[in-house]
Amino acid sequence: MDKFFKPAASNPLLTYIIPDIIYYVTALLGIVIVPHFLRSGWPGILWSAFFAVAVMGIVILLNKNEIEITIIDRQNRTIQDIQNI
């Protein structure tokens, strides 16, 4: 189970942004990905769990293709470089 969460831990900004990207792209296209009956109660909880697992799967695929988001300061140093100073 720990191996499943490792990609999110190594790329948290990407994991944080993916749900927003999905939400805004589907809204822009007029697609409803969450039917009304999945917005509350046990169905809502199950939908949320499924969506979280789907986001983790997307992060795993993006990490395999070496796609990541990092924060860079104005001197083009990554956070890891700054922590090593």
PDB file of N, CA and C in Angstrom:
ATOM      1  N   MET A   1       0.823  -1.195   0.000  1.00  0.00           N
ATOM      2  CA  MET A   1       0.000   0.000   0.000  1.00  0.00           C
ATOM      3  C   MET A   1       0.863   1.254   0.000  1.00  0.00           C
ATOM      4  N   ASP A   2       1.985   1.192   0.715  1.00  0.00           N
ATOM      5  CA  ASP A   2       2.881   2.336   0.768  1.00  0.00           C
ATOM      6  C   ASP A   2       3.432   2.666  -0.617  1.00  0.00           C
ATOM      7  N   LYS A   3       3.653   1.629  -1.420  1.00  0.00           N
ATOM      8  CA  LYS A   3       4.178   1.818  -2.778  1.00  0.00           C
ATOM      9  C   LYS A   3       3.182   2.571  -3.651  1.00  0.00           C
ATOM     10  N   PHE A   4       1.878   2.392  -3.389  1.00  0.00           N
ATOM     11  CA  PHE A   4       0.845   3.071  -4.169  1.00  0.00           C
ATOM     12  C   PHE A   4       0.851   4.572  -3.918  1.00  0.00           C
ATOM     13  N   PHE A   5       1.137   5.013  -2.679  1.00  0.00           N
ATOM     14  CA  PHE A   5       1.098   6.434  -2.335  1.00  0.00           C
ATOM     15  C   PHE A   5       2.418   7.152  -2.604  1.00  0.00           C
ATOM     16  N   LYS A   6       3.481   6.427  -2.878  1.00  0.00           N
ATOM     17  CA  LYS A   6       4.791   7.035  -3.085  1.00  0.00           C
ATOM     18  C   LYS A   6       4.815   8.052  -4.236  1.00  0.00           C
ATOM     19  N   PRO A   7       4.170   7.794  -5.392  1.00  0.00           N
ATOM     20  CA  PRO A   7       4.188   8.806  -6.456  1.00  0.00           C
ATOM     21  C   PRO A   7       3.576  10.135  -6.038  1.00  0.00           C
ATOM     22  N   ALA A   8       2.530  10.094  -5.228  1.00  0.00           N
ATOM     23  CA  ALA A   8       1.923  11.337  -4.757  1.00  0.00           C
ATOM     24  C   ALA A   8       2.863  12.068  -3.810  1.00  0.00           C
ATOM     25  N   ALA A   9       3.590  11.322  -3.016  1.00  0.00           N
ATOM     26  CA  ALA A   9       4.534  11.940  -2.087  1.00  0.00           C
ATOM     27  C   ALA A   9       5.729  12.540  -2.823  1.00  0.00           C
ATOM     28  N   SER A  10       6.112  11.935  -3.938  1.00  0.00           N
ATOM     29  CA  SER A  10       7.259  12.459  -4.683  1.00  0.00           C
ATOM     30  C   SER A  10       6.870  13.596  -5.621  1.00  0.00           C
ATOM     31  N   ASN A  11       5.579  13.762  -5.901  1.00  0.00           N
ATOM     32  CA  ASN A  11       5.114  14.802  -6.811  1.00  0.00           C
ATOM     33  C   ASN A  11       3.808  15.405  -6.282  1.00  0.00           C
ATOM     34  N   PRO A  12       3.832  16.012  -5.088  1.00  0.00           N
ATOM     35  CA  PRO A  12       2.587  16.461  -4.451  1.00  0.00           C
ATOM     36  C   PRO A  12       1.886  17.604  -5.179  1.00  0.00           C
ATOM     37  N   LEU A  13       2.632  18.488  -5.807  1.00  0.00           N
ATOM     38  CA  LEU A  13       1.995  19.613  -6.491  1.00  0.00           C
ATOM     39  C   LEU A  13       1.160  19.112  -7.667  1.00  0.00           C
ATOM     40  N   LEU A  14       1.669  18.160  -8.416  1.00  0.00           N
ATOM     41  CA  LEU A  14       0.921  17.573  -9.526  1.00  0.00           C
ATOM     42  C   LEU A  14      -0.333  16.875  -9.003  1.00  0.00           C
ATOM     43  N   THR A  15      -0.190  16.134  -7.918  1.00  0.00           N
ATOM     44  CA  THR A  15      -1.327  15.433  -7.316  1.00  0.00           C
ATOM     45  C   THR A  15      -2.383  16.424  -6.852  1.00  0.00           C
ATOM     46  N   TYR A  16      -1.953  17.560  -6.354  1.00  0.00           N
ATOM     47  CA  TYR A  16      -2.868  18.588  -5.862  1.00  0.00           C
ATOM     48  C   TYR A  16      -3.609  19.276  -7.009  1.00  0.00           C
ATOM     49  N   ILE A  17      -2.967  19.455  -8.152  1.00  0.00           N
ATOM     50  CA  ILE A  17      -3.541  20.219  -9.254  1.00  0.00           C
ATOM     51  C   ILE A  17      -4.426  19.367 -10.179  1.00  0.00           C
ATOM     52  N   ILE A  18      -4.183  18.082 -10.282  1.00  0.00           N
ATOM     53  CA  ILE A  18      -4.930  17.234 -11.222  1.00  0.00           C
ATOM     54  C   ILE A  18      -6.451  17.317 -11.039  1.00  0.00           C
ATOM     55  N   PRO A  19      -7.001  17.241  -9.822  1.00  0.00           N
ATOM     56  CA  PRO A  19      -8.469  17.350  -9.703  1.00  0.00           C
ATOM     57  C   PRO A  19      -9.015  18.670 -10.247  1.00  0.00           C
ATOM     58  N   ASP A  20      -8.298  19.760 -10.040  1.00  0.00           N
ATOM     59  CA  ASP A  20      -8.744  21.047 -10.586  1.00  0.00           C
ATOM     60  C   ASP A  20      -8.719  21.045 -12.105  1.00  0.00           C
ATOM     61  N   ILE A  21      -7.683  20.473 -12.678  1.00  0.00           N
ATOM     62  CA  ILE A  21      -7.596  20.389 -14.144  1.00  0.00           C
ATOM     63  C   ILE A  21      -8.777  19.579 -14.677  1.00  0.00           C
ATOM     64  N   ILE A  22      -9.054  18.444 -14.047  1.00  0.00           N
ATOM     65  CA  ILE A  22     -10.185  17.614 -14.478  1.00  0.00           C
ATOM     66  C   ILE A  22     -11.488  18.388 -14.346  1.00  0.00           C
ATOM     67  N   TYR A  23     -11.677  19.079 -13.230  1.00  0.00           N
ATOM     68  CA  TYR A  23     -12.911  19.829 -12.997  1.00  0.00           C
ATOM     69  C   TYR A  23     -13.108  20.916 -14.052  1.00  0.00           C
ATOM     70  N   TYR A  24     -12.078  21.728 -14.286  1.00  0.00           N
ATOM     71  CA  TYR A  24     -12.234  22.845 -15.215  1.00  0.00           C
ATOM     72  C   TYR A  24     -12.339  22.395 -16.672  1.00  0.00           C
ATOM     73  N   VAL A  25     -11.627  21.347 -17.045  1.00  0.00           N
ATOM     74  CA  VAL A  25     -11.730  20.851 -18.420  1.00  0.00           C
ATOM     75  C   VAL A  25     -13.125  20.277 -18.667  1.00  0.00           C
ATOM     76  N   THR A  26     -13.645  19.492 -17.723  1.00  0.00           N
ATOM     77  CA  THR A  26     -14.983  18.927 -17.911  1.00  0.00           C
ATOM     78  C   THR A  26     -16.055  20.016 -17.882  1.00  0.00           C
ATOM     79  N   ALA A  27     -15.872  21.034 -17.042  1.00  0.00           N
ATOM     80  CA  ALA A  27     -16.830  22.142 -17.009  1.00  0.00           C
ATOM     81  C   ALA A  27     -16.787  22.915 -18.322  1.00  0.00           C
ATOM     82  N   LEU A  28     -15.608  23.136 -18.841  1.00  0.00           N
ATOM     83  CA  LEU A  28     -15.452  23.851 -20.110  1.00  0.00           C
ATOM     84  C   LEU A  28     -16.117  23.081 -21.256  1.00  0.00           C
ATOM     85  N   LEU A  29     -16.009  21.762 -21.226  1.00  0.00           N
ATOM     86  CA  LEU A  29     -16.599  20.929 -22.273  1.00  0.00           C
ATOM     87  C   LEU A  29     -18.069  20.604 -22.024  1.00  0.00           C
ATOM     88  N   GLY A  30     -18.576  21.002 -20.865  1.00  0.00           N
ATOM     89  CA  GLY A  30     -19.975  20.733 -20.539  1.00  0.00           C
ATOM     90  C   GLY A  30     -20.246  19.300 -20.149  1.00  0.00           C
ATOM     91  N   ILE A  31     -19.233  18.609 -19.666  1.00  0.00           N
ATOM     92  CA  ILE A  31     -19.364  17.206 -19.267  1.00  0.00           C
ATOM     93  C   ILE A  31     -19.594  17.145 -17.761  1.00  0.00           C
ATOM     94  N   VAL A  32     -20.569  16.377 -17.344  1.00  0.00           N
ATOM     95  CA  VAL A  32     -20.837  16.178 -15.915  1.00  0.00           C
ATOM     96  C   VAL A  32     -20.227  14.840 -15.525  1.00  0.00           C
ATOM     97  N   ILE A  33     -19.178  14.872 -14.701  1.00  0.00           N
ATOM     98  CA  ILE A  33     -18.547  13.610 -14.299  1.00  0.00           C
ATOM     99  C   ILE A  33     -19.092  13.089 -12.969  1.00  0.00           C
ATOM    100  N   VAL A  34     -19.814  13.941 -12.239  1.00  0.00           N
ATOM    101  CA  VAL A  34     -20.389  13.503 -10.970  1.00  0.00           C
ATOM    102  C   VAL A  34     -21.906  13.665 -11.047  1.00  0.00           C
ATOM    103  N   PRO A  35     -22.627  12.577 -11.330  1.00  0.00           N
ATOM    104  CA  PRO A  35     -24.084  12.674 -11.354  1.00  0.00           C
ATOM    105  C   PRO A  35     -24.624  13.103  -9.987  1.00  0.00           C
ATOM    106  N   HIS A  36     -25.824  13.639  -9.976  1.00  0.00           N
ATOM    107  CA  HIS A  36     -26.404  14.195  -8.750  1.00  0.00           C
ATOM    108  C   HIS A  36     -26.490  13.157  -7.627  1.00  0.00           C
ATOM    109  N   PHE A  37     -26.826  11.922  -7.951  1.00  0.00           N
ATOM    110  CA  PHE A  37     -26.988  10.909  -6.903  1.00  0.00           C
ATOM    111  C   PHE A  37     -25.666  10.503  -6.252  1.00  0.00           C
ATOM    112  N   LEU A  38     -24.534  10.897  -6.839  1.00  0.00           N
ATOM    113  CA  LEU A  38     -23.229  10.589  -6.254  1.00  0.00           C
ATOM    114  C   LEU A  38     -22.655  11.753  -5.441  1.00  0.00           C
ATOM    115  N   ARG A  39     -23.474  12.721  -5.121  1.00  0.00           N
ATOM    116  CA  ARG A  39     -22.974  13.911  -4.434  1.00  0.00           C
ATOM    117  C   ARG A  39     -23.237  13.920  -2.931  1.00  0.00           C
ATOM    118  N   SER A  40     -23.844  12.871  -2.394  1.00  0.00           N
ATOM    119  CA  SER A  40     -24.081  12.830  -0.950  1.00  0.00           C
ATOM    120  C   SER A  40     -24.223  11.385  -0.489  1.00  0.00           C
ATOM    121  N   GLY A  41     -24.112  11.186   0.806  1.00  0.00           N
ATOM    122  CA  GLY A  41     -24.289   9.871   1.410  1.00  0.00           C
ATOM    123  C   GLY A  41     -23.196   8.878   1.020  1.00  0.00           C
ATOM    124  N   TRP A  42     -23.532   7.599   1.154  1.00  0.00           N
ATOM    125  CA  TRP A  42     -22.577   6.541   0.850  1.00  0.00           C
ATOM    126  C   TRP A  42     -22.138   6.540  -0.609  1.00  0.00           C
ATOM    127  N   PRO A  43     -23.056   6.788  -1.544  1.00  0.00           N
ATOM    128  CA  PRO A  43     -22.588   6.868  -2.934  1.00  0.00           C
ATOM    129  C   PRO A  43     -21.549   7.975  -3.137  1.00  0.00           C
ATOM    130  N   GLY A  44     -21.718   9.090  -2.437  1.00  0.00           N
ATOM    131  CA  GLY A  44     -20.747  10.185  -2.525  1.00  0.00           C
ATOM    132  C   GLY A  44     -19.395   9.807  -1.944  1.00  0.00           C
ATOM    133  N   ILE A  45     -19.428   9.059  -0.854  1.00  0.00           N
ATOM    134  CA  ILE A  45     -18.180   8.598  -0.243  1.00  0.00           C
ATOM    135  C   ILE A  45     -17.455   7.631  -1.177  1.00  0.00           C
ATOM    136  N   LEU A  46     -18.217   6.717  -1.769  1.00  0.00           N
ATOM    137  CA  LEU A  46     -17.608   5.770  -2.706  1.00  0.00           C
ATOM    138  C   LEU A  46     -17.066   6.474  -3.946  1.00  0.00           C
ATOM    139  N   TRP A  47     -17.813   7.454  -4.455  1.00  0.00           N
ATOM    140  CA  TRP A  47     -17.331   8.225  -5.610  1.00  0.00           C
ATOM    141  C   TRP A  47     -16.030   8.955  -5.263  1.00  0.00           C
ATOM    142  N   SER A  48     -15.975   9.561  -4.085  1.00  0.00           N
ATOM    143  CA  SER A  48     -14.771  10.280  -3.669  1.00  0.00           C
ATOM    144  C   SER A  48     -13.571   9.349  -3.572  1.00  0.00           C
ATOM    145  N   ALA A  49     -13.787   8.159  -3.029  1.00  0.00           N
ATOM    146  CA  ALA A  49     -12.696   7.178  -2.927  1.00  0.00           C
ATOM    147  C   ALA A  49     -12.243   6.751  -4.318  1.00  0.00           C
ATOM    148  N   PHE A  50     -13.193   6.493  -5.219  1.00  0.00           N
ATOM    149  CA  PHE A  50     -12.851   6.125  -6.589  1.00  0.00           C
ATOM    150  C   PHE A  50     -12.074   7.245  -7.273  1.00  0.00           C
ATOM    151  N   PHE A  51     -12.523   8.487  -7.099  1.00  0.00           N
ATOM    152  CA  PHE A  51     -11.870   9.621  -7.742  1.00  0.00           C
ATOM    153  C   PHE A  51     -10.444   9.797  -7.210  1.00  0.00           C
ATOM    154  N   ALA A  52     -10.260   9.610  -5.900  1.00  0.00           N
ATOM    155  CA  ALA A  52      -8.914   9.717  -5.316  1.00  0.00           C
ATOM    156  C   ALA A  52      -7.989   8.651  -5.891  1.00  0.00           C
ATOM    157  N   VAL A  53      -8.483   7.433  -6.036  1.00  0.00           N
ATOM    158  CA  VAL A  53      -7.674   6.356  -6.614  1.00  0.00           C
ATOM    159  C   VAL A  53      -7.381   6.648  -8.085  1.00  0.00           C
ATOM    160  N   ALA A  54      -8.364   7.198  -8.809  1.00  0.00           N
ATOM    161  CA  ALA A  54      -8.153   7.553 -10.214  1.00  0.00           C
ATOM    162  C   ALA A  54      -7.082   8.636 -10.349  1.00  0.00           C
ATOM    163  N   VAL A  55      -7.108   9.629  -9.468  1.00  0.00           N
ATOM    164  CA  VAL A  55      -6.081  10.680  -9.494  1.00  0.00           C
ATOM    165  C   VAL A  55      -4.712  10.076  -9.218  1.00  0.00           C
ATOM    166  N   MET A  56      -4.633   9.153  -8.262  1.00  0.00           N
ATOM    167  CA  MET A  56      -3.358   8.495  -7.982  1.00  0.00           C
ATOM    168  C   MET A  56      -2.868   7.720  -9.208  1.00  0.00           C
ATOM    169  N   GLY A  57      -3.792   7.074  -9.908  1.00  0.00           N
ATOM    170  CA  GLY A  57      -3.414   6.361 -11.124  1.00  0.00           C
ATOM    171  C   GLY A  57      -2.879   7.306 -12.188  1.00  0.00           C
ATOM    172  N   ILE A  58      -3.506   8.463 -12.326  1.00  0.00           N
ATOM    173  CA  ILE A  58      -3.032   9.461 -13.287  1.00  0.00           C
ATOM    174  C   ILE A  58      -1.632   9.931 -12.912  1.00  0.00           C
ATOM    175  N   VAL A  59      -1.409  10.169 -11.621  1.00  0.00           N
ATOM    176  CA  VAL A  59      -0.085  10.609 -11.163  1.00  0.00           C
ATOM    177  C   VAL A  59       0.962   9.534 -11.455  1.00  0.00           C
ATOM    178  N   ILE A  60       0.617   8.284 -11.240  1.00  0.00           N
ATOM    179  CA  ILE A  60       1.560   7.192 -11.525  1.00  0.00           C
ATOM    180  C   ILE A  60       1.929   7.187 -13.009  1.00  0.00           C
ATOM    181  N   LEU A  61       0.921   7.327 -13.878  1.00  0.00           N
ATOM    182  CA  LEU A  61       1.193   7.358 -15.321  1.00  0.00           C
ATOM    183  C   LEU A  61       2.055   8.559 -15.710  1.00  0.00           C
ATOM    184  N   LEU A  62       1.745   9.724 -15.146  1.00  0.00           N
ATOM    185  CA  LEU A  62       2.529  10.917 -15.466  1.00  0.00           C
ATOM    186  C   LEU A  62       3.956  10.798 -14.945  1.00  0.00           C
ATOM    187  N   ASN A  63       4.131  10.200 -13.770  1.00  0.00           N
ATOM    188  CA  ASN A  63       5.481  10.001 -13.238  1.00  0.00           C
ATOM    189  C   ASN A  63       6.282   9.031 -14.105  1.00  0.00           C
ATOM    190  N   LYS A  64       5.625   7.996 -14.642  1.00  0.00           N
ATOM    191  CA  LYS A  64       6.325   7.059 -15.520  1.00  0.00           C
ATOM    192  C   LYS A  64       6.793   7.746 -16.793  1.00  0.00           C
ATOM    193  N   ASN A  65       6.052   8.780 -17.217  1.00  0.00           N
ATOM    194  CA  ASN A  65       6.444   9.550 -18.396  1.00  0.00           C
ATOM    195  C   ASN A  65       7.294  10.769 -18.028  1.00  0.00           C
ATOM    196  N   GLU A  66       7.761  10.790 -16.780  1.00  0.00           N
ATOM    197  CA  GLU A  66       8.649  11.832 -16.253  1.00  0.00           C
ATOM    198  C   GLU A  66       8.053  13.235 -16.351  1.00  0.00           C
ATOM    199  N   ILE A  67       6.741  13.340 -16.141  1.00  0.00           N
ATOM    200  CA  ILE A  67       6.076  14.642 -16.092  1.00  0.00           C
ATOM    201  C   ILE A  67       5.915  15.010 -14.631  1.00  0.00           C
ATOM    202  N   GLU A  68       6.455  16.156 -14.254  1.00  0.00           N
ATOM    203  CA  GLU A  68       6.339  16.601 -12.868  1.00  0.00           C
ATOM    204  C   GLU A  68       6.264  18.121 -12.837  1.00  0.00           C
ATOM    205  N   ILE A  69       5.790  18.625 -11.720  1.00  0.00           N
ATOM    206  CA  ILE A  69       5.730  20.070 -11.508  1.00  0.00           C
ATOM    207  C   ILE A  69       6.629  20.379 -10.320  1.00  0.00           C
ATOM    208  N   THR A  70       7.541  21.297 -10.510  1.00  0.00           N
ATOM    209  CA  THR A  70       8.405  21.716  -9.415  1.00  0.00           C
ATOM    210  C   THR A  70       8.338  23.231  -9.294  1.00  0.00           C
ATOM    211  N   ILE A  71       8.589  23.696  -8.105  1.00  0.00           N
ATOM    212  CA  ILE A  71       8.627  25.134  -7.858  1.00  0.00           C
ATOM    213  C   ILE A  71      10.071  25.589  -8.017  1.00  0.00           C
ATOM    214  N   ILE A  72      10.268  26.604  -8.822  1.00  0.00           N
ATOM    215  CA  ILE A  72      11.607  27.130  -9.078  1.00  0.00           C
ATOM    216  C   ILE A  72      11.621  28.600  -8.665  1.00  0.00           C
ATOM    217  N   ASP A  73      12.659  28.997  -7.950  1.00  0.00           N
ATOM    218  CA  ASP A  73      12.762  30.407  -7.581  1.00  0.00           C
ATOM    219  C   ASP A  73      13.347  31.207  -8.750  1.00  0.00           C
ATOM    220  N   ARG A  74      13.517  32.486  -8.587  1.00  0.00           N
ATOM    221  CA  ARG A  74      13.964  33.357  -9.677  1.00  0.00           C
ATOM    222  C   ARG A  74      15.383  33.073 -10.135  1.00  0.00           C
ATOM    223  N   GLN A  75      16.143  32.360  -9.324  1.00  0.00           N
ATOM    224  CA  GLN A  75      17.508  32.025  -9.710  1.00  0.00           C
ATOM    225  C   GLN A  75      17.571  30.619 -10.307  1.00  0.00           C
ATOM    226  N   ASN A  76      16.410  30.092 -10.711  1.00  0.00           N
ATOM    227  CA  ASN A  76      16.292  28.772 -11.331  1.00  0.00           C
ATOM    228  C   ASN A  76      16.814  27.638 -10.451  1.00  0.00           C
ATOM    229  N   ARG A  77      16.652  27.781  -9.144  1.00  0.00           N
ATOM    230  CA  ARG A  77      17.001  26.704  -8.222  1.00  0.00           C
ATOM    231  C   ARG A  77      15.732  25.993  -7.819  1.00  0.00           C
ATOM    232  N   THR A  78      15.777  24.683  -7.736  1.00  0.00           N
ATOM    233  CA  THR A  78      14.611  23.938  -7.269  1.00  0.00           C
ATOM    234  C   THR A  78      14.618  23.955  -5.736  1.00  0.00           C
ATOM    235  N   ILE A  79      13.514  23.522  -5.168  1.00  0.00           N
ATOM    236  CA  ILE A  79      13.411  23.450  -3.718  1.00  0.00           C
ATOM    237  C   ILE A  79      14.471  22.526  -3.135  1.00  0.00           C
ATOM    238  N   GLN A  80      14.767  21.414  -3.812  1.00  0.00           N
ATOM    239  CA  GLN A  80      15.790  20.495  -3.335  1.00  0.00           C
ATOM    240  C   GLN A  80      17.158  21.183  -3.299  1.00  0.00           C
ATOM    241  N   ASP A  81      17.484  22.003  -4.320  1.00  0.00           N
ATOM    242  CA  ASP A  81      18.755  22.724  -4.328  1.00  0.00           C
ATOM    243  C   ASP A  81      18.835  23.688  -3.149  1.00  0.00           C
ATOM    244  N   ILE A  82      17.727  24.359  -2.856  1.00  0.00           N
ATOM    245  CA  ILE A  82      17.714  25.326  -1.762  1.00  0.00           C
ATOM    246  C   ILE A  82      17.883  24.608  -0.429  1.00  0.00           C
ATOM    247  N   GLN A  83      17.258  23.441  -0.280  1.00  0.00           N
ATOM    248  CA  GLN A  83      17.354  22.690   0.982  1.00  0.00           C
ATOM    249  C   GLN A  83      18.793  22.178   1.185  1.00  0.00           C
ATOM    250  N   ASN A  84      19.522  21.955   0.121  1.00  0.00           N
ATOM    251  CA  ASN A  84      20.898  21.458   0.237  1.00  0.00           C
ATOM    252  C   ASN A  84      21.890  22.547   0.559  1.00  0.00           C
ATOM    253  N   ILE A  85      21.477  23.804   0.493  1.00  0.00           N
ATOM    254  CA  ILE A  85      22.415  24.910   0.792  1.00  0.00           C
ATOM    255  C   ILE A  85      22.660  25.030   2.270  1.00  0.00           C
TER     256      ILE A  85
END
